[in-house]
Amino acid sequence: MENCLFCKIISEELPCEKVIETSHYIAFRDIHPKAPVHVLIVPKRHVERPEELRPEEIGDMLTGSEEIAQILGVKETGYRLLFNVGKHAGQEIDHVHLHLLGGAPAKGMY
């Protein structure tokens, strides 16, 4: 999508603090973190909802989340994976993305 913020990050038109990248997704730190560790796992193909993801894309994103948690030091203490789907759920950018949040107890945090 031409005006999509995440598509511009994927195409390197906009900078990001990249954590890891695969053939299916890019993972980078959220610029408005809701937790000490807040990473967005974004498929490289523009899709707006999780159900539009191909099995290999969602599989890579989910299995990759463990590696991301390890890299960022939250694998052992725990982390949360979250999709916001639609405006009422808080989805602000119409490009599906998986949030990985951690680094502090979740109760009352996020």
PDB file of N, CA and C in Angstrom:
ATOM      1  N   MET A   1       0.852  -1.185   0.000  1.00  0.00           N
ATOM      2  CA  MET A   1       0.000   0.000   0.000  1.00  0.00           C
ATOM      3  C   MET A   1       0.888   1.235   0.000  1.00  0.00           C
ATOM      4  N   GLU A   2       0.582   2.135  -0.822  1.00  0.00           N
ATOM      5  CA  GLU A   2       1.414   3.312  -1.050  1.00  0.00           C
ATOM      6  C   GLU A   2       1.589   4.203   0.188  1.00  0.00           C
ATOM      7  N   ASN A   3       0.536   4.451   0.938  1.00  0.00           N
ATOM      8  CA  ASN A   3       0.610   5.354   2.085  1.00  0.00           C
ATOM      9  C   ASN A   3       0.728   4.640   3.425  1.00  0.00           C
ATOM     10  N   CYS A   4       0.883   3.336   3.420  1.00  0.00           N
ATOM     11  CA  CYS A   4       0.934   2.561   4.651  1.00  0.00           C
ATOM     12  C   CYS A   4       2.270   2.790   5.368  1.00  0.00           C
ATOM     13  N   LEU A   5       2.184   3.190   6.617  1.00  0.00           N
ATOM     14  CA  LEU A   5       3.376   3.445   7.424  1.00  0.00           C
ATOM     15  C   LEU A   5       4.272   2.212   7.497  1.00  0.00           C
ATOM     16  N   PHE A   6       3.688   1.045   7.755  1.00  0.00           N
ATOM     17  CA  PHE A   6       4.499  -0.167   7.880  1.00  0.00           C
ATOM     18  C   PHE A   6       5.112  -0.576   6.546  1.00  0.00           C
ATOM     19  N   CYS A   7       4.394  -0.365   5.449  1.00  0.00           N
ATOM     20  CA  CYS A   7       4.967  -0.672   4.133  1.00  0.00           C
ATOM     21  C   CYS A   7       6.174   0.224   3.856  1.00  0.00           C
ATOM     22  N   LYS A   8       6.114   1.469   4.325  1.00  0.00           N
ATOM     23  CA  LYS A   8       7.251   2.377   4.146  1.00  0.00           C
ATOM     24  C   LYS A   8       8.440   1.938   5.002  1.00  0.00           C
ATOM     25  N   ILE A   9       8.181   1.395   6.177  1.00  0.00           N
ATOM     26  CA  ILE A   9       9.261   0.863   7.022  1.00  0.00           C
ATOM     27  C   ILE A   9       9.864  -0.377   6.358  1.00  0.00           C
ATOM     28  N   ILE A  10       9.017  -1.260   5.859  1.00  0.00           N
ATOM     29  CA  ILE A  10       9.476  -2.479   5.202  1.00  0.00           C
ATOM     30  C   ILE A  10      10.340  -2.151   3.981  1.00  0.00           C
ATOM     31  N   SER A  11       9.941  -1.148   3.207  1.00  0.00           N
ATOM     32  CA  SER A  11      10.696  -0.766   2.007  1.00  0.00           C
ATOM     33  C   SER A  11      11.871   0.158   2.329  1.00  0.00           C
ATOM     34  N   GLU A  12      12.080   0.426   3.596  1.00  0.00           N
ATOM     35  CA  GLU A  12      13.175   1.254   4.113  1.00  0.00           C
ATOM     36  C   GLU A  12      13.058   2.724   3.703  1.00  0.00           C
ATOM     37  N   GLU A  13      11.842   3.155   3.376  1.00  0.00           N
ATOM     38  CA  GLU A  13      11.607   4.586   3.148  1.00  0.00           C
ATOM     39  C   GLU A  13      11.595   5.336   4.474  1.00  0.00           C
ATOM     40  N   LEU A  14      11.231   4.627   5.542  1.00  0.00           N
ATOM     41  CA  LEU A  14      11.234   5.181   6.902  1.00  0.00           C
ATOM     42  C   LEU A  14      12.119   4.307   7.779  1.00  0.00           C
ATOM     43  N   PRO A  15      12.808   4.917   8.751  1.00  0.00           N
ATOM     44  CA  PRO A  15      13.684   4.142   9.626  1.00  0.00           C
ATOM     45  C   PRO A  15      12.901   3.410  10.715  1.00  0.00           C
ATOM     46  N   CYS A  16      13.539   2.410  11.286  1.00  0.00           N
ATOM     47  CA  CYS A  16      12.993   1.710  12.441  1.00  0.00           C
ATOM     48  C   CYS A  16      14.158   1.142  13.236  1.00  0.00           C
ATOM     49  N   GLU A  17      13.862   0.750  14.458  1.00  0.00           N
ATOM     50  CA  GLU A  17      14.854   0.064  15.287  1.00  0.00           C
ATOM     51  C   GLU A  17      14.593  -1.433  15.142  1.00  0.00           C
ATOM     52  N   LYS A  18      15.184  -2.006  14.102  1.00  0.00           N
ATOM     53  CA  LYS A  18      14.937  -3.396  13.745  1.00  0.00           C
ATOM     54  C   LYS A  18      15.546  -4.351  14.763  1.00  0.00           C
ATOM     55  N   VAL A  19      14.765  -5.381  15.089  1.00  0.00           N
ATOM     56  CA  VAL A  19      15.239  -6.444  15.972  1.00  0.00           C
ATOM     57  C   VAL A  19      15.669  -7.645  15.148  1.00  0.00           C
ATOM     58  N   ILE A  20      14.836  -8.022  14.173  1.00  0.00           N
ATOM     59  CA  ILE A  20      15.118  -9.183  13.330  1.00  0.00           C
ATOM     60  C   ILE A  20      14.252  -9.077  12.072  1.00  0.00           C
ATOM     61  N   GLU A  21      14.686  -9.781  11.028  1.00  0.00           N
ATOM     62  CA  GLU A  21      13.926  -9.795   9.777  1.00  0.00           C
ATOM     63  C   GLU A  21      14.045 -11.174   9.156  1.00  0.00           C
ATOM     64  N   THR A  22      12.940 -11.665   8.601  1.00  0.00           N
ATOM     65  CA  THR A  22      12.940 -12.933   7.870  1.00  0.00           C
ATOM     66  C   THR A  22      12.353 -12.666   6.487  1.00  0.00           C
ATOM     67  N   SER A  23      12.163 -13.716   5.720  1.00  0.00           N
ATOM     68  CA  SER A  23      11.552 -13.542   4.403  1.00  0.00           C
ATOM     69  C   SER A  23      10.078 -13.165   4.505  1.00  0.00           C
ATOM     70  N   HIS A  24       9.451 -13.437   5.665  1.00  0.00           N
ATOM     71  CA  HIS A  24       8.023 -13.161   5.832  1.00  0.00           C
ATOM     72  C   HIS A  24       7.697 -11.928   6.663  1.00  0.00           C
ATOM     73  N   TYR A  25       8.563 -11.522   7.570  1.00  0.00           N
ATOM     74  CA  TYR A  25       8.232 -10.412   8.458  1.00  0.00           C
ATOM     75  C   TYR A  25       9.459  -9.600   8.835  1.00  0.00           C
ATOM     76  N   ILE A  26       9.178  -8.434   9.384  1.00  0.00           N
ATOM     77  CA  ILE A  26      10.198  -7.606  10.027  1.00  0.00           C
ATOM     78  C   ILE A  26       9.690  -7.327  11.437  1.00  0.00           C
ATOM     79  N   ALA A  27      10.585  -7.361  12.405  1.00  0.00           N
ATOM     80  CA  ALA A  27      10.232  -7.056  13.795  1.00  0.00           C
ATOM     81  C   ALA A  27      11.052  -5.848  14.232  1.00  0.00           C
ATOM     82  N   PHE A  28      10.362  -4.860  14.785  1.00  0.00           N
ATOM     83  CA  PHE A  28      11.039  -3.635  15.213  1.00  0.00           C
ATOM     84  C   PHE A  28      10.368  -3.082  16.464  1.00  0.00           C
ATOM     85  N   ARG A  29      11.106  -2.253  17.181  1.00  0.00           N
ATOM     86  CA  ARG A  29      10.592  -1.666  18.416  1.00  0.00           C
ATOM     87  C   ARG A  29       9.491  -0.648  18.117  1.00  0.00           C
ATOM     88  N   ASP A  30       8.446  -0.690  18.931  1.00  0.00           N
ATOM     89  CA  ASP A  30       7.338   0.260  18.814  1.00  0.00           C
ATOM     90  C   ASP A  30       7.821   1.637  19.261  1.00  0.00           C
ATOM     91  N   ILE A  31       7.464   2.680  18.528  1.00  0.00           N
ATOM     92  CA  ILE A  31       7.918   4.030  18.895  1.00  0.00           C
ATOM     93  C   ILE A  31       7.107   4.610  20.051  1.00  0.00           C
ATOM     94  N   HIS A  32       5.974   3.974  20.393  1.00  0.00           N
ATOM     95  CA  HIS A  32       5.168   4.377  21.547  1.00  0.00           C
ATOM     96  C   HIS A  32       4.951   3.143  22.430  1.00  0.00           C
ATOM     97  N   PRO A  33       6.021   2.672  23.085  1.00  0.00           N
ATOM     98  CA  PRO A  33       5.926   1.405  23.820  1.00  0.00           C
ATOM     99  C   PRO A  33       4.943   1.451  24.983  1.00  0.00           C
ATOM    100  N   LYS A  34       4.231   0.338  25.145  1.00  0.00           N
ATOM    101  CA  LYS A  34       3.290   0.157  26.254  1.00  0.00           C
ATOM    102  C   LYS A  34       3.881  -0.729  27.346  1.00  0.00           C
ATOM    103  N   ALA A  35       5.119  -1.149  27.163  1.00  0.00           N
ATOM    104  CA  ALA A  35       5.836  -1.999  28.122  1.00  0.00           C
ATOM    105  C   ALA A  35       7.325  -1.757  27.907  1.00  0.00           C
ATOM    106  N   PRO A  36       8.165  -2.161  28.863  1.00  0.00           N
ATOM    107  CA  PRO A  36       9.607  -1.981  28.678  1.00  0.00           C
ATOM    108  C   PRO A  36      10.128  -2.616  27.387  1.00  0.00           C
ATOM    109  N   VAL A  37       9.576  -3.757  27.015  1.00  0.00           N
ATOM    110  CA  VAL A  37       9.880  -4.382  25.729  1.00  0.00           C
ATOM    111  C   VAL A  37       8.582  -4.387  24.939  1.00  0.00           C
ATOM    112  N   HIS A  38       8.576  -3.693  23.824  1.00  0.00           N
ATOM    113  CA  HIS A  38       7.382  -3.643  22.959  1.00  0.00           C
ATOM    114  C   HIS A  38       7.853  -3.652  21.522  1.00  0.00           C
ATOM    115  N   VAL A  39       7.653  -4.791  20.874  1.00  0.00           N
ATOM    116  CA  VAL A  39       8.099  -5.001  19.505  1.00  0.00           C
ATOM    117  C   VAL A  39       6.884  -5.290  18.632  1.00  0.00           C
ATOM    118  N   LEU A  40       6.913  -4.791  17.420  1.00  0.00           N
ATOM    119  CA  LEU A  40       5.881  -5.092  16.438  1.00  0.00           C
ATOM    120  C   LEU A  40       6.453  -6.088  15.438  1.00  0.00           C
ATOM    121  N   ILE A  41       5.719  -7.161  15.204  1.00  0.00           N
ATOM    122  CA  ILE A  41       6.101  -8.185  14.236  1.00  0.00           C
ATOM    123  C   ILE A  41       5.145  -8.005  13.058  1.00  0.00           C
ATOM    124  N   VAL A  42       5.687  -7.525  11.939  1.00  0.00           N
ATOM    125  CA  VAL A  42       4.873  -7.048  10.824  1.00  0.00           C
ATOM    126  C   VAL A  42       5.150  -7.877   9.572  1.00  0.00           C
ATOM    127  N   PRO A  43       4.120  -8.491   8.991  1.00  0.00           N
ATOM    128  CA  PRO A  43       4.355  -9.224   7.749  1.00  0.00           C
ATOM    129  C   PRO A  43       4.789  -8.279   6.643  1.00  0.00           C
ATOM    130  N   LYS A  44       5.669  -8.758   5.790  1.00  0.00           N
ATOM    131  CA  LYS A  44       6.166  -7.926   4.695  1.00  0.00           C
ATOM    132  C   LYS A  44       5.102  -7.691   3.622  1.00  0.00           C
ATOM    133  N   ARG A  45       4.174  -8.599   3.506  1.00  0.00           N
ATOM    134  CA  ARG A  45       3.076  -8.448   2.555  1.00  0.00           C
ATOM    135  C   ARG A  45       1.978  -7.637   3.230  1.00  0.00           C
ATOM    136  N   HIS A  46       1.444  -6.647   2.533  1.00  0.00           N
ATOM    137  CA  HIS A  46       0.398  -5.811   3.120  1.00  0.00           C
ATOM    138  C   HIS A  46      -0.908  -6.590   3.214  1.00  0.00           C
ATOM    139  N   VAL A  47      -1.327  -6.853   4.434  1.00  0.00           N
ATOM    140  CA  VAL A  47      -2.649  -7.415   4.728  1.00  0.00           C
ATOM    141  C   VAL A  47      -3.191  -6.655   5.923  1.00  0.00           C
ATOM    142  N   GLU A  48      -4.506  -6.531   5.999  1.00  0.00           N
ATOM    143  CA  GLU A  48      -5.100  -5.705   7.042  1.00  0.00           C
ATOM    144  C   GLU A  48      -5.590  -6.481   8.250  1.00  0.00           C
ATOM    145  N   ARG A  49      -5.820  -7.789   8.111  1.00  0.00           N
ATOM    146  CA  ARG A  49      -6.375  -8.572   9.216  1.00  0.00           C
ATOM    147  C   ARG A  49      -5.628  -9.905   9.337  1.00  0.00           C
ATOM    148  N   PRO A  50      -5.530 -10.452  10.531  1.00  0.00           N
ATOM    149  CA  PRO A  50      -4.794 -11.713  10.718  1.00  0.00           C
ATOM    150  C   PRO A  50      -5.308 -12.864   9.866  1.00  0.00           C
ATOM    151  N   GLU A  51      -6.614 -12.927   9.643  1.00  0.00           N
ATOM    152  CA  GLU A  51      -7.160 -14.046   8.863  1.00  0.00           C
ATOM    153  C   GLU A  51      -6.741 -14.000   7.397  1.00  0.00           C
ATOM    154  N   GLU A  52      -6.177 -12.882   6.961  1.00  0.00           N
ATOM    155  CA  GLU A  52      -5.674 -12.771   5.595  1.00  0.00           C
ATOM    156  C   GLU A  52      -4.238 -13.289   5.451  1.00  0.00           C
ATOM    157  N   LEU A  53      -3.594 -13.577   6.564  1.00  0.00           N
ATOM    158  CA  LEU A  53      -2.222 -14.080   6.521  1.00  0.00           C
ATOM    159  C   LEU A  53      -2.182 -15.499   5.975  1.00  0.00           C
ATOM    160  N   ARG A  54      -1.148 -15.790   5.221  1.00  0.00           N
ATOM    161  CA  ARG A  54      -0.924 -17.150   4.731  1.00  0.00           C
ATOM    162  C   ARG A  54      -0.370 -17.991   5.882  1.00  0.00           C
ATOM    163  N   PRO A  55      -0.602 -19.298   5.858  1.00  0.00           N
ATOM    164  CA  PRO A  55      -0.105 -20.156   6.942  1.00  0.00           C
ATOM    165  C   PRO A  55       1.394 -19.997   7.207  1.00  0.00           C
ATOM    166  N   GLU A  56       2.195 -19.881   6.147  1.00  0.00           N
ATOM    167  CA  GLU A  56       3.642 -19.749   6.344  1.00  0.00           C
ATOM    168  C   GLU A  56       3.999 -18.399   6.977  1.00  0.00           C
ATOM    169  N   GLU A  57       3.213 -17.361   6.716  1.00  0.00           N
ATOM    170  CA  GLU A  57       3.478 -16.044   7.319  1.00  0.00           C
ATOM    171  C   GLU A  57       3.157 -16.075   8.813  1.00  0.00           C
ATOM    172  N   ILE A  58       1.979 -16.536   9.160  1.00  0.00           N
ATOM    173  CA  ILE A  58       1.593 -16.568  10.575  1.00  0.00           C
ATOM    174  C   ILE A  58       2.487 -17.544  11.336  1.00  0.00           C
ATOM    175  N   GLY A  59       2.827 -18.664  10.710  1.00  0.00           N
ATOM    176  CA  GLY A  59       3.714 -19.627  11.365  1.00  0.00           C
ATOM    177  C   GLY A  59       5.074 -19.026  11.661  1.00  0.00           C
ATOM    178  N   ASP A  60       5.639 -18.323  10.703  1.00  0.00           N
ATOM    179  CA  ASP A  60       6.947 -17.692  10.885  1.00  0.00           C
ATOM    180  C   ASP A  60       6.883 -16.606  11.954  1.00  0.00           C
ATOM    181  N   MET A  61       5.794 -15.829  11.956  1.00  0.00           N
ATOM    182  CA  MET A  61       5.656 -14.768  12.962  1.00  0.00           C
ATOM    183  C   MET A  61       5.558 -15.357  14.372  1.00  0.00           C
ATOM    184  N   LEU A  62       4.763 -16.414  14.526  1.00  0.00           N
ATOM    185  CA  LEU A  62       4.584 -17.006  15.855  1.00  0.00           C
ATOM    186  C   LEU A  62       5.830 -17.722  16.349  1.00  0.00           C
ATOM    187  N   THR A  63       6.452 -18.520  15.488  1.00  0.00           N
ATOM    188  CA  THR A  63       7.672 -19.196  15.933  1.00  0.00           C
ATOM    189  C   THR A  63       8.813 -18.199  16.112  1.00  0.00           C
ATOM    190  N   GLY A  64       8.836 -17.157  15.298  1.00  0.00           N
ATOM    191  CA  GLY A  64       9.855 -16.124  15.435  1.00  0.00           C
ATOM    192  C   GLY A  64       9.730 -15.321  16.712  1.00  0.00           C
ATOM    193  N   SER A  65       8.524 -15.258  17.262  1.00  0.00           N
ATOM    194  CA  SER A  65       8.340 -14.493  18.497  1.00  0.00           C
ATOM    195  C   SER A  65       9.198 -15.058  19.629  1.00  0.00           C
ATOM    196  N   GLU A  66       9.402 -16.357  19.659  1.00  0.00           N
ATOM    197  CA  GLU A  66      10.257 -16.961  20.689  1.00  0.00           C
ATOM    198  C   GLU A  66      11.698 -16.471  20.549  1.00  0.00           C
ATOM    199  N   GLU A  67      12.192 -16.426  19.316  1.00  0.00           N
ATOM    200  CA  GLU A  67      13.552 -15.937  19.086  1.00  0.00           C
ATOM    201  C   GLU A  67      13.671 -14.455  19.464  1.00  0.00           C
ATOM    202  N   ILE A  68      12.665 -13.674  19.125  1.00  0.00           N
ATOM    203  CA  ILE A  68      12.662 -12.251  19.477  1.00  0.00           C
ATOM    204  C   ILE A  68      12.673 -12.087  20.992  1.00  0.00           C
ATOM    205  N   ALA A  69      11.845 -12.866  21.683  1.00  0.00           N
ATOM    206  CA  ALA A  69      11.814 -12.812  23.155  1.00  0.00           C
ATOM    207  C   ALA A  69      13.172 -13.181  23.741  1.00  0.00           C
ATOM    208  N   GLN A  70      13.840 -14.160  23.142  1.00  0.00           N
ATOM    209  CA  GLN A  70      15.174 -14.555  23.601  1.00  0.00           C
ATOM    210  C   GLN A  70      16.169 -13.417  23.388  1.00  0.00           C
ATOM    211  N   ILE A  71      16.154 -12.828  22.197  1.00  0.00           N
ATOM    212  CA  ILE A  71      17.067 -11.730  21.875  1.00  0.00           C
ATOM    213  C   ILE A  71      16.893 -10.575  22.864  1.00  0.00           C
ATOM    214  N   LEU A  72      15.651 -10.278  23.231  1.00  0.00           N
ATOM    215  CA  LEU A  72      15.354  -9.117  24.069  1.00  0.00           C
ATOM    216  C   LEU A  72      15.316  -9.440  25.570  1.00  0.00           C
ATOM    217  N   GLY A  73      15.608 -10.688  25.910  1.00  0.00           N
ATOM    218  CA  GLY A  73      15.753 -11.053  27.316  1.00  0.00           C
ATOM    219  C   GLY A  73      14.463 -11.249  28.091  1.00  0.00           C
ATOM    220  N   VAL A  74      13.353 -11.556  27.408  1.00  0.00           N
ATOM    221  CA  VAL A  74      12.092 -11.756  28.117  1.00  0.00           C
ATOM    222  C   VAL A  74      11.532 -13.176  27.962  1.00  0.00           C
ATOM    223  N   LYS A  75      12.280 -14.044  27.295  1.00  0.00           N
ATOM    224  CA  LYS A  75      11.782 -15.403  27.079  1.00  0.00           C
ATOM    225  C   LYS A  75      11.540 -16.129  28.397  1.00  0.00           C
ATOM    226  N   GLU A  76      12.455 -16.017  29.315  1.00  0.00           N
ATOM    227  CA  GLU A  76      12.337 -16.752  30.581  1.00  0.00           C
ATOM    228  C   GLU A  76      11.326 -16.125  31.535  1.00  0.00           C
ATOM    229  N   THR A  77      11.239 -14.814  31.567  1.00  0.00           N
ATOM    230  CA  THR A  77      10.323 -14.146  32.502  1.00  0.00           C
ATOM    231  C   THR A  77       8.897 -14.082  31.971  1.00  0.00           C
ATOM    232  N   GLY A  78       8.741 -14.149  30.654  1.00  0.00           N
ATOM    233  CA  GLY A  78       7.417 -14.157  30.047  1.00  0.00           C
ATOM    234  C   GLY A  78       7.149 -12.931  29.202  1.00  0.00           C
ATOM    235  N   TYR A  79       6.250 -13.117  28.263  1.00  0.00           N
ATOM    236  CA  TYR A  79       5.886 -12.045  27.343  1.00  0.00           C
ATOM    237  C   TYR A  79       4.480 -12.305  26.837  1.00  0.00           C
ATOM    238  N   ARG A  80       3.881 -11.269  26.276  1.00  0.00           N
ATOM    239  CA  ARG A  80       2.520 -11.341  25.752  1.00  0.00           C
ATOM    240  C   ARG A  80       2.562 -11.122  24.245  1.00  0.00           C
ATOM    241  N   LEU A  81       1.750 -11.896  23.516  1.00  0.00           N
ATOM    242  CA  LEU A  81       1.573 -11.707  22.080  1.00  0.00           C
ATOM    243  C   LEU A  81       0.138 -11.251  21.856  1.00  0.00           C
ATOM    244  N   LEU A  82      -0.037 -10.199  21.041  1.00  0.00           N
ATOM    245  CA  LEU A  82      -1.356  -9.598  20.913  1.00  0.00           C
ATOM    246  C   LEU A  82      -1.595  -9.039  19.514  1.00  0.00           C
ATOM    247  N   PHE A  83      -2.733  -9.392  18.937  1.00  0.00           N
ATOM    248  CA  PHE A  83      -3.224  -8.750  17.722  1.00  0.00           C
ATOM    249  C   PHE A  83      -4.356  -7.826  18.127  1.00  0.00           C
ATOM    250  N   ASN A  84      -4.336  -6.582  17.679  1.00  0.00           N
ATOM    251  CA  ASN A  84      -5.491  -5.695  17.764  1.00  0.00           C
ATOM    252  C   ASN A  84      -6.132  -5.742  16.386  1.00  0.00           C
ATOM    253  N   VAL A  85      -7.389  -6.148  16.324  1.00  0.00           N
ATOM    254  CA  VAL A  85      -8.052  -6.329  15.035  1.00  0.00           C
ATOM    255  C   VAL A  85      -9.229  -5.366  14.936  1.00  0.00           C
ATOM    256  N   GLY A  86      -9.078  -4.342  14.112  1.00  0.00           N
ATOM    257  CA  GLY A  86     -10.137  -3.356  13.917  1.00  0.00           C
ATOM    258  C   GLY A  86     -10.023  -2.170  14.851  1.00  0.00           C
ATOM    259  N   LYS A  87     -10.712  -1.128  14.506  1.00  0.00           N
ATOM    260  CA  LYS A  87     -10.647   0.141  15.255  1.00  0.00           C
ATOM    261  C   LYS A  87     -11.099  -0.010  16.699  1.00  0.00           C
ATOM    262  N   HIS A  88     -12.170  -0.751  16.950  1.00  0.00           N
ATOM    263  CA  HIS A  88     -12.668  -0.898  18.321  1.00  0.00           C
ATOM    264  C   HIS A  88     -11.690  -1.642  19.218  1.00  0.00           C
ATOM    265  N   ALA A  89     -10.813  -2.425  18.619  1.00  0.00           N
ATOM    266  CA  ALA A  89      -9.806  -3.159  19.391  1.00  0.00           C
ATOM    267  C   ALA A  89      -8.522  -2.358  19.559  1.00  0.00           C
ATOM    268  N   GLY A  90      -8.461  -1.183  18.938  1.00  0.00           N
ATOM    269  CA  GLY A  90      -7.278  -0.347  19.076  1.00  0.00           C
ATOM    270  C   GLY A  90      -6.298  -0.429  17.930  1.00  0.00           C
ATOM    271  N   GLN A  91      -6.676  -1.089  16.829  1.00  0.00           N
ATOM    272  CA  GLN A  91      -5.771  -1.144  15.676  1.00  0.00           C
ATOM    273  C   GLN A  91      -5.712   0.241  15.044  1.00  0.00           C
ATOM    274  N   GLU A  92      -4.521   0.819  15.026  1.00  0.00           N
ATOM    275  CA  GLU A  92      -4.346   2.175  14.520  1.00  0.00           C
ATOM    276  C   GLU A  92      -3.820   2.209  13.088  1.00  0.00           C
ATOM    277  N   ILE A  93      -3.109   1.185  12.677  1.00  0.00           N
ATOM    278  CA  ILE A  93      -2.537   1.119  11.328  1.00  0.00           C
ATOM    279  C   ILE A  93      -3.153  -0.084  10.625  1.00  0.00           C
ATOM    280  N   ASP A  94      -3.693   0.143   9.435  1.00  0.00           N
ATOM    281  CA  ASP A  94      -4.384  -0.911   8.696  1.00  0.00           C
ATOM    282  C   ASP A  94      -3.411  -1.831   7.965  1.00  0.00           C
ATOM    283  N   HIS A  95      -2.460  -2.347   8.705  1.00  0.00           N
ATOM    284  CA  HIS A  95      -1.517  -3.373   8.239  1.00  0.00           C
ATOM    285  C   HIS A  95      -1.349  -4.269   9.458  1.00  0.00           C
ATOM    286  N   VAL A  96      -1.800  -5.502   9.350  1.00  0.00           N
ATOM    287  CA  VAL A  96      -1.787  -6.391  10.511  1.00  0.00           C
ATOM    288  C   VAL A  96      -0.405  -6.429  11.145  1.00  0.00           C
ATOM    289  N   HIS A  97      -0.367  -6.500  12.478  1.00  0.00           N
ATOM    290  CA  HIS A  97       0.902  -6.591  13.193  1.00  0.00           C
ATOM    291  C   HIS A  97       0.662  -7.259  14.537  1.00  0.00           C
ATOM    292  N   LEU A  98       1.637  -8.030  14.937  1.00  0.00           N
ATOM    293  CA  LEU A  98       1.600  -8.764  16.193  1.00  0.00           C
ATOM    294  C   LEU A  98       2.480  -8.032  17.192  1.00  0.00           C
ATOM    295  N   HIS A  99       1.897  -7.675  18.343  1.00  0.00           N
ATOM    296  CA  HIS A  99       2.656  -7.014  19.397  1.00  0.00           C
ATOM    297  C   HIS A  99       3.310  -8.073  20.281  1.00  0.00           C
ATOM    298  N   LEU A 100       4.564  -7.883  20.613  1.00  0.00           N
ATOM    299  CA  LEU A 100       5.258  -8.680  21.632  1.00  0.00           C
ATOM    300  C   LEU A 100       5.594  -7.710  22.753  1.00  0.00           C
ATOM    301  N   LEU A 101       5.015  -7.958  23.940  1.00  0.00           N
ATOM    302  CA  LEU A 101       5.188  -7.075  25.087  1.00  0.00           C
ATOM    303  C   LEU A 101       5.768  -7.862  26.255  1.00  0.00           C
ATOM    304  N   GLY A 102       6.692  -7.266  26.970  1.00  0.00           N
ATOM    305  CA  GLY A 102       7.291  -7.915  28.128  1.00  0.00           C
ATOM    306  C   GLY A 102       8.193  -6.988  28.889  1.00  0.00           C
ATOM    307  N   GLY A 103       8.937  -7.553  29.814  1.00  0.00           N
ATOM    308  CA  GLY A 103       9.893  -6.773  30.567  1.00  0.00           C
ATOM    309  C   GLY A 103       9.411  -6.318  31.931  1.00  0.00           C
ATOM    310  N   ALA A 104       8.126  -6.589  32.241  1.00  0.00           N
ATOM    311  CA  ALA A 104       7.550  -6.238  33.531  1.00  0.00           C
ATOM    312  C   ALA A 104       6.282  -7.084  33.694  1.00  0.00           C
ATOM    313  N   PRO A 105       5.837  -7.282  34.940  1.00  0.00           N
ATOM    314  CA  PRO A 105       4.580  -8.021  35.123  1.00  0.00           C
ATOM    315  C   PRO A 105       3.430  -7.355  34.358  1.00  0.00           C
ATOM    316  N   ALA A 106       2.601  -8.160  33.708  1.00  0.00           N
ATOM    317  CA  ALA A 106       1.525  -7.627  32.868  1.00  0.00           C
ATOM    318  C   ALA A 106       0.404  -7.009  33.670  1.00  0.00           C
ATOM    319  N   LYS A 107       0.161  -7.456  34.867  1.00  0.00           N
ATOM    320  CA  LYS A 107      -0.978  -6.955  35.650  1.00  0.00           C
ATOM    321  C   LYS A 107      -0.866  -5.441  35.840  1.00  0.00           C
ATOM    322  N   GLY A 108      -1.825  -4.711  35.293  1.00  0.00           N
ATOM    323  CA  GLY A 108      -1.851  -3.284  35.418  1.00  0.00           C
ATOM    324  C   GLY A 108      -0.880  -2.556  34.483  1.00  0.00           C
ATOM    325  N   MET A 109      -0.062  -3.305  33.772  1.00  0.00           N
ATOM    326  CA  MET A 109       0.950  -2.692  32.930  1.00  0.00           C
ATOM    327  C   MET A 109       0.430  -2.495  31.513  1.00  0.00           C
ATOM    328  N   TYR A 110      -0.174  -3.494  30.936  1.00  0.00           N
ATOM    329  CA  TYR A 110      -0.658  -3.451  29.557  1.00  0.00           C
ATOM    330  C   TYR A 110      -1.653  -4.552  29.332  1.00  0.00           C
TER     331      TYR A 110
END
